[in-house]
Amino acid sequence: MDSSRWLDGVFEDFQLGYREAPSTIWSEADVALRLALCLAKRFPGRVHMEFPIAQWTRADVDKTIDKRQFVDLVVAGEGLSGDDGIWKALPTHTHLLFAEVKWFPRGSGTRWRFDHIRKVAAVNRDAHRLARHLELRRCRYAAAFVADHDGLFASEHESLDWPPEVRHFVARPTAREGPAAESP
């Protein structure tokens, strides 16, 4: 695949599920699981959660920059096999996708705004880490997926110093709350 249009399809699948049953999302891990299931339909056997950035998974780890870090979702690039050779190939393998996931639950934009506003900056920090992964060719594509029940992230993301090479998708629970915001 030479473009990231397939990411739009994955997001549409996720957005449909979120709109149909937003109450099935109880935690950020639920968001990641639902997204992983959407990715697994397109890439069976290649989706992984909580991928560690460590010396045994990446040959280019810099301990001063890559401090204890996990990527929420990874779609392995083609060519990794399930045999013992995977452990030799993994540290230099370029994955198809690295994705970070965030959840802004009901009340995050109003009642509990003070608790959740700091997560907007956390999404931005994740985006900059993803940009570094792209720069080091650890992955071909990078994206942040945000489930934003009240629109807090959607209202604040314009003020962020977002790296243009990292796509972001914002899912809202119902169509009547407006279209999902997405980066170009």
N, C-alpha and C. Protein backbone atom coordinates (compact mmCIF):
# COMPACT_ATOMS: atom_id res chain seq x y z
N MET A 1 0.84 -1.17 0.00
CA MET A 1 0.00 0.00 0.00
C MET A 1 0.88 1.24 0.00
N ASP A 2 0.65 2.12 -0.95
CA ASP A 2 1.50 3.28 -1.06
C ASP A 2 0.88 4.53 -0.44
N SER A 3 -0.34 4.46 0.04
CA SER A 3 -0.93 5.61 0.72
C SER A 3 -1.60 5.15 2.00
N SER A 4 -1.99 6.11 2.79
CA SER A 4 -2.61 5.77 4.08
C SER A 4 -4.13 5.85 4.01
N ARG A 5 -4.73 5.75 2.83
CA ARG A 5 -6.19 5.80 2.71
C ARG A 5 -6.86 4.67 3.49
N TRP A 6 -6.19 3.55 3.62
CA TRP A 6 -6.76 2.44 4.38
C TRP A 6 -7.03 2.84 5.83
N LEU A 7 -6.25 3.81 6.35
CA LEU A 7 -6.50 4.31 7.70
C LEU A 7 -7.88 4.95 7.80
N ASP A 8 -8.31 5.64 6.74
CA ASP A 8 -9.65 6.24 6.73
C ASP A 8 -10.71 5.16 6.90
N GLY A 9 -10.54 4.03 6.21
CA GLY A 9 -11.49 2.93 6.31
C GLY A 9 -11.53 2.32 7.70
N VAL A 10 -10.35 2.17 8.31
CA VAL A 10 -10.29 1.63 9.67
C VAL A 10 -11.01 2.58 10.62
N PHE A 11 -10.76 3.88 10.45
CA PHE A 11 -11.41 4.85 11.32
C PHE A 11 -12.93 4.84 11.11
N GLU A 12 -13.38 4.73 9.87
CA GLU A 12 -14.82 4.66 9.61
C GLU A 12 -15.44 3.46 10.31
N ASP A 13 -14.77 2.31 10.24
CA ASP A 13 -15.27 1.11 10.94
C ASP A 13 -15.36 1.36 12.45
N PHE A 14 -14.31 1.95 13.00
CA PHE A 14 -14.30 2.24 14.43
C PHE A 14 -15.40 3.25 14.78
N GLN A 15 -15.51 4.31 13.98
CA GLN A 15 -16.50 5.36 14.25
C GLN A 15 -17.91 4.80 14.22
N LEU A 16 -18.20 3.90 13.28
CA LEU A 16 -19.53 3.29 13.22
C LEU A 16 -19.84 2.52 14.50
N GLY A 17 -18.89 1.72 14.95
CA GLY A 17 -19.10 0.97 16.18
C GLY A 17 -19.27 1.87 17.39
N TYR A 18 -18.51 2.95 17.43
CA TYR A 18 -18.58 3.89 18.56
C TYR A 18 -19.93 4.61 18.56
N ARG A 19 -20.40 4.97 17.38
CA ARG A 19 -21.70 5.64 17.30
C ARG A 19 -22.85 4.72 17.67
N GLU A 20 -22.73 3.45 17.31
CA GLU A 20 -23.80 2.51 17.59
C GLU A 20 -23.87 2.14 19.07
N ALA A 21 -22.74 2.09 19.74
CA ALA A 21 -22.75 1.63 21.14
C ALA A 21 -21.65 2.31 21.95
N PRO A 22 -21.74 3.64 22.17
CA PRO A 22 -20.68 4.30 22.93
C PRO A 22 -20.59 3.82 24.38
N SER A 23 -21.66 3.23 24.89
CA SER A 23 -21.63 2.76 26.28
C SER A 23 -20.78 1.50 26.44
N THR A 24 -20.33 0.89 25.34
CA THR A 24 -19.46 -0.28 25.45
C THR A 24 -18.02 0.13 25.73
N ILE A 25 -17.74 1.43 25.67
CA ILE A 25 -16.41 1.95 25.97
C ILE A 25 -16.40 2.41 27.42
N TRP A 26 -15.66 1.71 28.24
CA TRP A 26 -15.58 2.03 29.66
C TRP A 26 -14.20 2.52 30.06
N SER A 27 -13.22 2.37 29.16
CA SER A 27 -11.85 2.76 29.49
C SER A 27 -11.07 3.00 28.20
N GLU A 28 -9.89 3.56 28.33
CA GLU A 28 -9.02 3.77 27.18
C GLU A 28 -8.63 2.42 26.56
N ALA A 29 -8.48 1.41 27.39
CA ALA A 29 -8.16 0.08 26.88
C ALA A 29 -9.30 -0.46 26.00
N ASP A 30 -10.55 -0.12 26.32
CA ASP A 30 -11.68 -0.52 25.47
C ASP A 30 -11.58 0.14 24.10
N VAL A 31 -11.18 1.41 24.08
CA VAL A 31 -11.01 2.12 22.81
C VAL A 31 -9.94 1.39 21.99
N ALA A 32 -8.81 1.09 22.60
CA ALA A 32 -7.72 0.40 21.91
C ALA A 32 -8.16 -0.97 21.40
N LEU A 33 -8.92 -1.70 22.23
CA LEU A 33 -9.41 -3.02 21.82
C LEU A 33 -10.32 -2.90 20.60
N ARG A 34 -11.29 -1.98 20.64
CA ARG A 34 -12.20 -1.81 19.49
C ARG A 34 -11.44 -1.44 18.23
N LEU A 35 -10.45 -0.58 18.38
CA LEU A 35 -9.63 -0.19 17.23
C LEU A 35 -8.79 -1.37 16.73
N ALA A 36 -8.24 -2.15 17.65
CA ALA A 36 -7.45 -3.32 17.27
C ALA A 36 -8.31 -4.32 16.49
N LEU A 37 -9.56 -4.49 16.91
CA LEU A 37 -10.46 -5.40 16.19
C LEU A 37 -10.73 -4.90 14.77
N CYS A 38 -10.88 -3.59 14.61
CA CYS A 38 -11.07 -3.02 13.27
C CYS A 38 -9.83 -3.24 12.41
N LEU A 39 -8.66 -3.04 12.99
CA LEU A 39 -7.41 -3.26 12.26
C LEU A 39 -7.22 -4.74 11.91
N ALA A 40 -7.60 -5.62 12.83
CA ALA A 40 -7.41 -7.06 12.62
C ALA A 40 -8.25 -7.58 11.46
N LYS A 41 -9.36 -6.93 11.16
CA LYS A 41 -10.17 -7.33 9.99
C LYS A 41 -9.38 -7.14 8.71
N ARG A 42 -8.58 -6.10 8.66
CA ARG A 42 -7.78 -5.79 7.46
C ARG A 42 -6.41 -6.45 7.48
N PHE A 43 -5.89 -6.70 8.67
CA PHE A 43 -4.54 -7.25 8.80
C PHE A 43 -4.53 -8.40 9.80
N PRO A 44 -5.14 -9.53 9.46
CA PRO A 44 -5.23 -10.65 10.39
C PRO A 44 -3.84 -11.13 10.85
N GLY A 45 -3.72 -11.32 12.15
CA GLY A 45 -2.48 -11.84 12.72
C GLY A 45 -1.34 -10.85 12.80
N ARG A 46 -1.57 -9.60 12.39
CA ARG A 46 -0.48 -8.62 12.36
C ARG A 46 -0.67 -7.48 13.35
N VAL A 47 -1.75 -7.50 14.13
CA VAL A 47 -2.04 -6.41 15.05
C VAL A 47 -1.57 -6.79 16.45
N HIS A 48 -0.86 -5.87 17.07
CA HIS A 48 -0.31 -6.10 18.41
C HIS A 48 -0.59 -4.89 19.29
N MET A 49 -0.81 -5.14 20.56
CA MET A 49 -1.10 -4.07 21.52
C MET A 49 0.03 -3.94 22.53
N GLU A 50 0.24 -2.70 22.96
CA GLU A 50 1.25 -2.41 23.99
C GLU A 50 2.64 -2.91 23.58
N PHE A 51 3.07 -2.49 22.40
CA PHE A 51 4.38 -2.88 21.87
C PHE A 51 5.48 -2.09 22.58
N PRO A 52 6.41 -2.77 23.25
CA PRO A 52 7.46 -2.03 23.97
C PRO A 52 8.54 -1.52 23.02
N ILE A 53 8.98 -0.32 23.27
CA ILE A 53 10.15 0.21 22.57
C ILE A 53 11.32 -0.07 23.51
N ALA A 54 12.06 -1.10 23.19
CA ALA A 54 13.14 -1.58 24.06
C ALA A 54 14.25 -2.15 23.18
N GLN A 55 15.38 -2.45 23.79
CA GLN A 55 16.52 -2.94 23.02
C GLN A 55 16.21 -4.26 22.31
N TRP A 56 15.34 -5.07 22.87
CA TRP A 56 15.04 -6.35 22.22
C TRP A 56 14.02 -6.21 21.08
N THR A 57 13.33 -5.04 20.99
CA THR A 57 12.37 -4.84 19.90
C THR A 57 12.85 -3.83 18.87
N ARG A 58 13.83 -3.00 19.22
CA ARG A 58 14.33 -1.97 18.32
C ARG A 58 15.84 -1.86 18.46
N ALA A 59 16.55 -1.98 17.37
CA ALA A 59 18.01 -1.89 17.40
C ALA A 59 18.50 -0.45 17.61
N ASP A 60 17.64 0.51 17.32
CA ASP A 60 18.03 1.92 17.37
C ASP A 60 17.58 2.64 18.64
N VAL A 61 17.35 1.91 19.71
CA VAL A 61 16.88 2.52 20.96
C VAL A 61 17.97 3.40 21.55
N ASP A 62 17.57 4.60 21.91
CA ASP A 62 18.43 5.54 22.62
C ASP A 62 17.81 5.68 24.02
N LYS A 63 18.48 5.14 25.01
CA LYS A 63 17.92 5.09 26.37
C LYS A 63 17.64 6.48 26.94
N THR A 64 18.31 7.51 26.45
CA THR A 64 18.05 8.85 26.97
C THR A 64 16.75 9.44 26.41
N ILE A 65 16.35 9.01 25.22
CA ILE A 65 15.14 9.51 24.58
C ILE A 65 13.99 8.51 24.71
N ASP A 66 14.28 7.26 24.45
CA ASP A 66 13.26 6.20 24.44
C ASP A 66 13.09 5.59 25.83
N LYS A 67 12.82 6.43 26.79
CA LYS A 67 12.59 5.91 28.14
C LYS A 67 11.35 5.05 28.13
N ARG A 68 11.19 4.23 29.11
CA ARG A 68 10.05 3.29 29.22
C ARG A 68 8.86 3.74 28.37
N GLN A 69 8.66 3.05 27.28
CA GLN A 69 7.67 3.48 26.31
C GLN A 69 7.00 2.28 25.65
N PHE A 70 5.71 2.39 25.45
CA PHE A 70 4.94 1.38 24.74
C PHE A 70 4.10 2.07 23.69
N VAL A 71 3.97 1.45 22.54
CA VAL A 71 3.07 1.96 21.51
C VAL A 71 1.76 1.19 21.68
N ASP A 72 0.65 1.92 21.75
CA ASP A 72 -0.64 1.29 22.04
C ASP A 72 -1.00 0.20 21.03
N LEU A 73 -0.90 0.51 19.75
CA LEU A 73 -1.25 -0.46 18.70
C LEU A 73 -0.20 -0.45 17.61
N VAL A 74 0.16 -1.63 17.16
CA VAL A 74 1.12 -1.78 16.08
C VAL A 74 0.56 -2.76 15.06
N VAL A 75 0.67 -2.40 13.79
CA VAL A 75 0.40 -3.35 12.72
C VAL A 75 1.76 -3.69 12.14
N ALA A 76 2.16 -4.94 12.30
CA ALA A 76 3.47 -5.37 11.80
C ALA A 76 3.50 -5.27 10.29
N GLY A 77 4.64 -4.88 9.78
CA GLY A 77 4.82 -4.85 8.34
C GLY A 77 4.92 -6.27 7.81
N GLU A 78 4.80 -6.40 6.52
CA GLU A 78 4.90 -7.73 5.92
C GLU A 78 6.30 -8.28 6.09
N GLY A 79 6.40 -9.58 6.16
CA GLY A 79 7.70 -10.21 6.21
C GLY A 79 8.10 -10.77 7.56
N LEU A 80 7.39 -10.42 8.60
CA LEU A 80 7.69 -11.04 9.89
C LEU A 80 6.97 -12.37 9.94
N SER A 81 7.73 -13.43 10.17
CA SER A 81 7.10 -14.75 10.24
C SER A 81 7.01 -15.21 11.69
N GLY A 82 6.22 -16.21 11.92
CA GLY A 82 5.99 -16.71 13.28
C GLY A 82 7.07 -17.63 13.79
N ASP A 83 8.08 -17.91 13.00
CA ASP A 83 9.12 -18.85 13.45
C ASP A 83 10.18 -18.12 14.29
N ASP A 84 11.24 -18.82 14.60
CA ASP A 84 12.29 -18.25 15.43
C ASP A 84 13.01 -17.07 14.78
N GLY A 85 12.91 -16.93 13.45
CA GLY A 85 13.57 -15.84 12.74
C GLY A 85 13.00 -14.47 13.08
N ILE A 86 11.82 -14.45 13.65
CA ILE A 86 11.18 -13.18 13.99
C ILE A 86 12.03 -12.38 14.98
N TRP A 87 12.68 -13.05 15.89
CA TRP A 87 13.43 -12.35 16.93
C TRP A 87 14.69 -11.69 16.38
N LYS A 88 15.20 -12.22 15.27
CA LYS A 88 16.33 -11.58 14.60
C LYS A 88 15.87 -10.38 13.78
N ALA A 89 14.70 -10.52 13.14
CA ALA A 89 14.20 -9.48 12.24
C ALA A 89 13.53 -8.32 12.98
N LEU A 90 12.93 -8.59 14.12
CA LEU A 90 12.13 -7.58 14.82
C LEU A 90 12.87 -6.26 15.11
N PRO A 91 14.10 -6.28 15.60
CA PRO A 91 14.76 -5.02 15.95
C PRO A 91 15.01 -4.05 14.80
N THR A 92 15.00 -4.53 13.57
CA THR A 92 15.21 -3.64 12.43
C THR A 92 14.00 -3.59 11.50
N HIS A 93 12.93 -4.23 11.87
CA HIS A 93 11.73 -4.30 11.05
C HIS A 93 11.00 -2.96 11.01
N THR A 94 10.52 -2.59 9.83
CA THR A 94 9.67 -1.40 9.70
C THR A 94 8.23 -1.87 9.72
N HIS A 95 7.50 -1.45 10.75
CA HIS A 95 6.11 -1.84 10.90
C HIS A 95 5.23 -0.97 9.99
N LEU A 96 4.05 -1.44 9.70
CA LEU A 96 3.14 -0.68 8.86
C LEU A 96 2.59 0.52 9.63
N LEU A 97 2.15 0.31 10.86
CA LEU A 97 1.49 1.38 11.62
C LEU A 97 1.87 1.35 13.09
N PHE A 98 2.12 2.52 13.63
CA PHE A 98 2.17 2.75 15.07
C PHE A 98 1.00 3.68 15.37
N ALA A 99 0.20 3.33 16.36
CA ALA A 99 -0.95 4.16 16.72
C ALA A 99 -1.05 4.33 18.22
N GLU A 100 -1.40 5.52 18.63
CA GLU A 100 -1.67 5.83 20.02
C GLU A 100 -3.16 6.09 20.16
N VAL A 101 -3.70 5.76 21.32
CA VAL A 101 -5.14 5.85 21.57
C VAL A 101 -5.37 6.68 22.83
N LYS A 102 -6.37 7.56 22.78
CA LYS A 102 -6.77 8.31 23.97
C LYS A 102 -8.29 8.32 24.04
N TRP A 103 -8.78 8.43 25.27
CA TRP A 103 -10.23 8.44 25.52
C TRP A 103 -10.58 9.63 26.38
N PHE A 104 -11.51 10.42 25.90
CA PHE A 104 -12.07 11.53 26.65
C PHE A 104 -13.54 11.17 26.91
N PRO A 105 -13.86 10.67 28.11
CA PRO A 105 -15.20 10.15 28.39
C PRO A 105 -16.25 11.25 28.55
N ARG A 106 -17.49 10.82 28.68
CA ARG A 106 -18.58 11.75 28.97
C ARG A 106 -18.24 12.56 30.22
N GLY A 107 -18.44 13.85 30.15
CA GLY A 107 -18.13 14.74 31.26
C GLY A 107 -16.74 15.34 31.17
N SER A 108 -15.89 14.85 30.25
CA SER A 108 -14.52 15.36 30.16
C SER A 108 -14.47 16.79 29.65
N GLY A 109 -15.46 17.20 28.88
CA GLY A 109 -15.47 18.56 28.35
C GLY A 109 -16.22 19.53 29.24
N THR A 110 -16.91 19.03 30.23
CA THR A 110 -17.72 19.91 31.08
C THR A 110 -17.42 19.65 32.56
N ARG A 111 -18.13 18.73 33.13
CA ARG A 111 -18.07 18.48 34.58
C ARG A 111 -16.66 18.16 35.09
N TRP A 112 -15.92 17.34 34.37
CA TRP A 112 -14.57 16.93 34.81
C TRP A 112 -13.48 17.48 33.89
N ARG A 113 -13.74 18.61 33.27
CA ARG A 113 -12.79 19.22 32.32
C ARG A 113 -11.40 19.38 32.95
N PHE A 114 -11.35 19.87 34.19
CA PHE A 114 -10.05 20.10 34.85
C PHE A 114 -9.24 18.82 34.97
N ASP A 115 -9.90 17.65 35.06
CA ASP A 115 -9.19 16.38 35.12
C ASP A 115 -8.67 15.94 33.76
N HIS A 116 -9.36 16.32 32.70
CA HIS A 116 -9.05 15.78 31.39
C HIS A 116 -8.31 16.73 30.46
N ILE A 117 -8.28 18.00 30.76
CA ILE A 117 -7.62 18.95 29.87
C ILE A 117 -6.14 18.62 29.70
N ARG A 118 -5.52 18.05 30.72
CA ARG A 118 -4.09 17.70 30.62
C ARG A 118 -3.86 16.56 29.61
N LYS A 119 -4.91 15.77 29.34
CA LYS A 119 -4.77 14.68 28.38
C LYS A 119 -4.63 15.21 26.95
N VAL A 120 -5.08 16.44 26.71
CA VAL A 120 -4.90 17.04 25.38
C VAL A 120 -3.40 17.16 25.10
N ALA A 121 -2.67 17.68 26.07
CA ALA A 121 -1.21 17.79 25.93
C ALA A 121 -0.56 16.42 25.82
N ALA A 122 -1.11 15.42 26.51
CA ALA A 122 -0.57 14.06 26.44
C ALA A 122 -0.73 13.48 25.03
N VAL A 123 -1.83 13.79 24.38
CA VAL A 123 -2.01 13.33 22.99
C VAL A 123 -0.95 13.97 22.11
N ASN A 124 -0.68 15.25 22.35
CA ASN A 124 0.34 15.94 21.57
C ASN A 124 1.73 15.35 21.80
N ARG A 125 2.05 15.01 23.05
CA ARG A 125 3.34 14.35 23.33
C ARG A 125 3.43 13.01 22.60
N ASP A 126 2.32 12.25 22.62
CA ASP A 126 2.29 10.98 21.88
C ASP A 126 2.56 11.22 20.39
N ALA A 127 1.97 12.27 19.84
CA ALA A 127 2.15 12.58 18.42
C ALA A 127 3.62 12.86 18.11
N HIS A 128 4.29 13.56 18.99
CA HIS A 128 5.71 13.85 18.76
C HIS A 128 6.57 12.58 18.88
N ARG A 129 6.20 11.68 19.78
CA ARG A 129 6.90 10.39 19.84
C ARG A 129 6.66 9.61 18.55
N LEU A 130 5.43 9.63 18.07
CA LEU A 130 5.11 8.94 16.81
C LEU A 130 5.92 9.54 15.66
N ALA A 131 6.07 10.84 15.63
CA ALA A 131 6.86 11.49 14.58
C ALA A 131 8.31 11.00 14.62
N ARG A 132 8.83 10.81 15.81
CA ARG A 132 10.20 10.28 15.94
C ARG A 132 10.28 8.85 15.42
N HIS A 133 9.26 8.05 15.71
CA HIS A 133 9.24 6.68 15.18
C HIS A 133 9.24 6.69 13.66
N LEU A 134 8.48 7.60 13.06
CA LEU A 134 8.48 7.73 11.60
C LEU A 134 9.86 8.14 11.08
N GLU A 135 10.45 9.11 11.73
CA GLU A 135 11.77 9.61 11.33
C GLU A 135 12.81 8.49 11.37
N LEU A 136 12.73 7.63 12.37
CA LEU A 136 13.67 6.52 12.50
C LEU A 136 13.27 5.31 11.65
N ARG A 137 12.20 5.43 10.92
CA ARG A 137 11.68 4.37 10.05
C ARG A 137 11.30 3.10 10.83
N ARG A 138 10.81 3.31 12.04
CA ARG A 138 10.29 2.20 12.83
C ARG A 138 8.92 1.78 12.31
N CYS A 139 8.24 2.72 11.63
CA CYS A 139 6.93 2.45 11.06
C CYS A 139 6.76 3.29 9.79
N ARG A 140 5.83 2.85 8.93
CA ARG A 140 5.54 3.61 7.70
C ARG A 140 4.49 4.68 7.93
N TYR A 141 3.55 4.41 8.83
CA TYR A 141 2.47 5.35 9.13
C TYR A 141 2.32 5.46 10.63
N ALA A 142 1.86 6.64 11.06
CA ALA A 142 1.62 6.86 12.48
C ALA A 142 0.33 7.66 12.62
N ALA A 143 -0.44 7.29 13.64
CA ALA A 143 -1.72 7.98 13.85
C ALA A 143 -2.10 7.97 15.32
N ALA A 144 -2.84 8.99 15.69
CA ALA A 144 -3.45 9.07 17.02
C ALA A 144 -4.95 8.95 16.83
N PHE A 145 -5.56 8.03 17.56
CA PHE A 145 -7.01 7.83 17.52
C PHE A 145 -7.57 8.29 18.85
N VAL A 146 -8.51 9.22 18.80
CA VAL A 146 -9.08 9.80 20.01
C VAL A 146 -10.58 9.55 20.02
N ALA A 147 -11.07 8.92 21.06
CA ALA A 147 -12.52 8.80 21.29
C ALA A 147 -12.88 9.96 22.21
N ASP A 148 -13.65 10.90 21.69
CA ASP A 148 -13.87 12.19 22.33
C ASP A 148 -15.36 12.40 22.56
N HIS A 149 -15.85 11.91 23.69
CA HIS A 149 -17.29 11.91 23.92
C HIS A 149 -17.91 13.31 23.94
N ASP A 150 -17.28 14.24 24.61
CA ASP A 150 -17.85 15.59 24.75
C ASP A 150 -17.24 16.64 23.83
N GLY A 151 -16.25 16.27 23.03
CA GLY A 151 -15.65 17.24 22.13
C GLY A 151 -14.51 18.05 22.72
N LEU A 152 -13.97 17.64 23.86
CA LEU A 152 -12.87 18.38 24.48
C LEU A 152 -11.64 18.43 23.58
N PHE A 153 -11.18 17.28 23.10
CA PHE A 153 -10.00 17.27 22.24
C PHE A 153 -10.29 18.01 20.94
N ALA A 154 -11.45 17.79 20.37
CA ALA A 154 -11.81 18.46 19.11
C ALA A 154 -11.77 19.98 19.26
N SER A 155 -12.15 20.48 20.44
CA SER A 155 -12.15 21.94 20.65
C SER A 155 -10.77 22.49 20.94
N GLU A 156 -9.85 21.65 21.41
CA GLU A 156 -8.52 22.11 21.84
C GLU A 156 -7.39 21.79 20.87
N HIS A 157 -7.60 20.87 19.94
CA HIS A 157 -6.46 20.39 19.13
C HIS A 157 -5.89 21.45 18.19
N GLU A 158 -6.65 22.46 17.85
CA GLU A 158 -6.15 23.53 16.96
C GLU A 158 -4.95 24.24 17.57
N SER A 159 -4.89 24.31 18.89
CA SER A 159 -3.81 25.04 19.56
C SER A 159 -2.53 24.21 19.71
N LEU A 160 -2.55 22.97 19.30
CA LEU A 160 -1.40 22.09 19.49
C LEU A 160 -0.36 22.26 18.39
N ASP A 161 0.88 21.98 18.75
CA ASP A 161 1.98 21.96 17.79
C ASP A 161 2.05 20.53 17.25
N TRP A 162 1.12 20.19 16.37
CA TRP A 162 0.96 18.82 15.89
C TRP A 162 1.91 18.54 14.73
N PRO A 163 2.67 17.45 14.79
CA PRO A 163 3.55 17.11 13.67
C PRO A 163 2.71 16.71 12.45
N PRO A 164 2.92 17.33 11.30
CA PRO A 164 2.06 17.10 10.15
C PRO A 164 2.10 15.67 9.59
N GLU A 165 3.17 14.95 9.85
CA GLU A 165 3.29 13.59 9.32
C GLU A 165 2.50 12.56 10.13
N VAL A 166 1.99 12.96 11.28
CA VAL A 166 1.20 12.06 12.13
C VAL A 166 -0.27 12.39 11.95
N ARG A 167 -1.03 11.43 11.48
CA ARG A 167 -2.46 11.65 11.29
C ARG A 167 -3.19 11.56 12.62
N HIS A 168 -4.30 12.25 12.71
CA HIS A 168 -5.13 12.08 13.90
C HIS A 168 -6.59 11.98 13.50
N PHE A 169 -7.29 11.15 14.25
CA PHE A 169 -8.70 10.88 14.01
C PHE A 169 -9.44 11.09 15.33
N VAL A 170 -10.57 11.75 15.26
CA VAL A 170 -11.36 12.01 16.45
C VAL A 170 -12.75 11.43 16.25
N ALA A 171 -13.09 10.44 17.07
CA ALA A 171 -14.40 9.79 17.00
C ALA A 171 -15.33 10.45 18.01
N ARG A 172 -16.55 10.67 17.56
CA ARG A 172 -17.60 11.21 18.43
C ARG A 172 -18.70 10.15 18.50
N PRO A 173 -19.43 10.09 19.61
CA PRO A 173 -20.38 8.99 19.78
C PRO A 173 -21.65 9.07 18.93
N THR A 174 -22.08 10.26 18.53
CA THR A 174 -23.32 10.32 17.75
C THR A 174 -23.15 11.27 16.57
N ALA A 175 -23.86 10.97 15.50
CA ALA A 175 -23.80 11.79 14.30
C ALA A 175 -24.33 13.20 14.57
N ARG A 176 -25.31 13.35 15.45
CA ARG A 176 -25.89 14.67 15.68
C ARG A 176 -24.91 15.63 16.34
N GLU A 177 -23.82 15.11 16.91
CA GLU A 177 -22.83 15.98 17.55
C GLU A 177 -21.83 16.55 16.55
N GLY A 178 -22.04 16.30 15.28
CA GLY A 178 -21.18 16.87 14.26
C GLY A 178 -20.20 15.87 13.70
N PRO A 179 -19.62 16.20 12.57
CA PRO A 179 -18.68 15.27 11.92
C PRO A 179 -17.39 15.14 12.72
N ALA A 180 -16.75 14.03 12.57
CA ALA A 180 -15.47 13.79 13.25
C ALA A 180 -14.40 14.67 12.63
N ALA A 181 -13.57 15.24 13.47
CA ALA A 181 -12.45 16.05 12.98
C ALA A 181 -11.30 15.11 12.65
N GLU A 182 -10.57 15.45 11.60
CA GLU A 182 -9.45 14.58 11.21
C GLU A 182 -8.38 15.45 10.57
N SER A 183 -7.15 15.11 10.78
CA SER A 183 -6.07 15.87 10.16
C SER A 183 -5.91 15.43 8.71
N PRO A 184 -5.37 16.29 7.87
CA PRO A 184 -5.15 15.91 6.46
C PRO A 184 -4.08 14.86 6.34
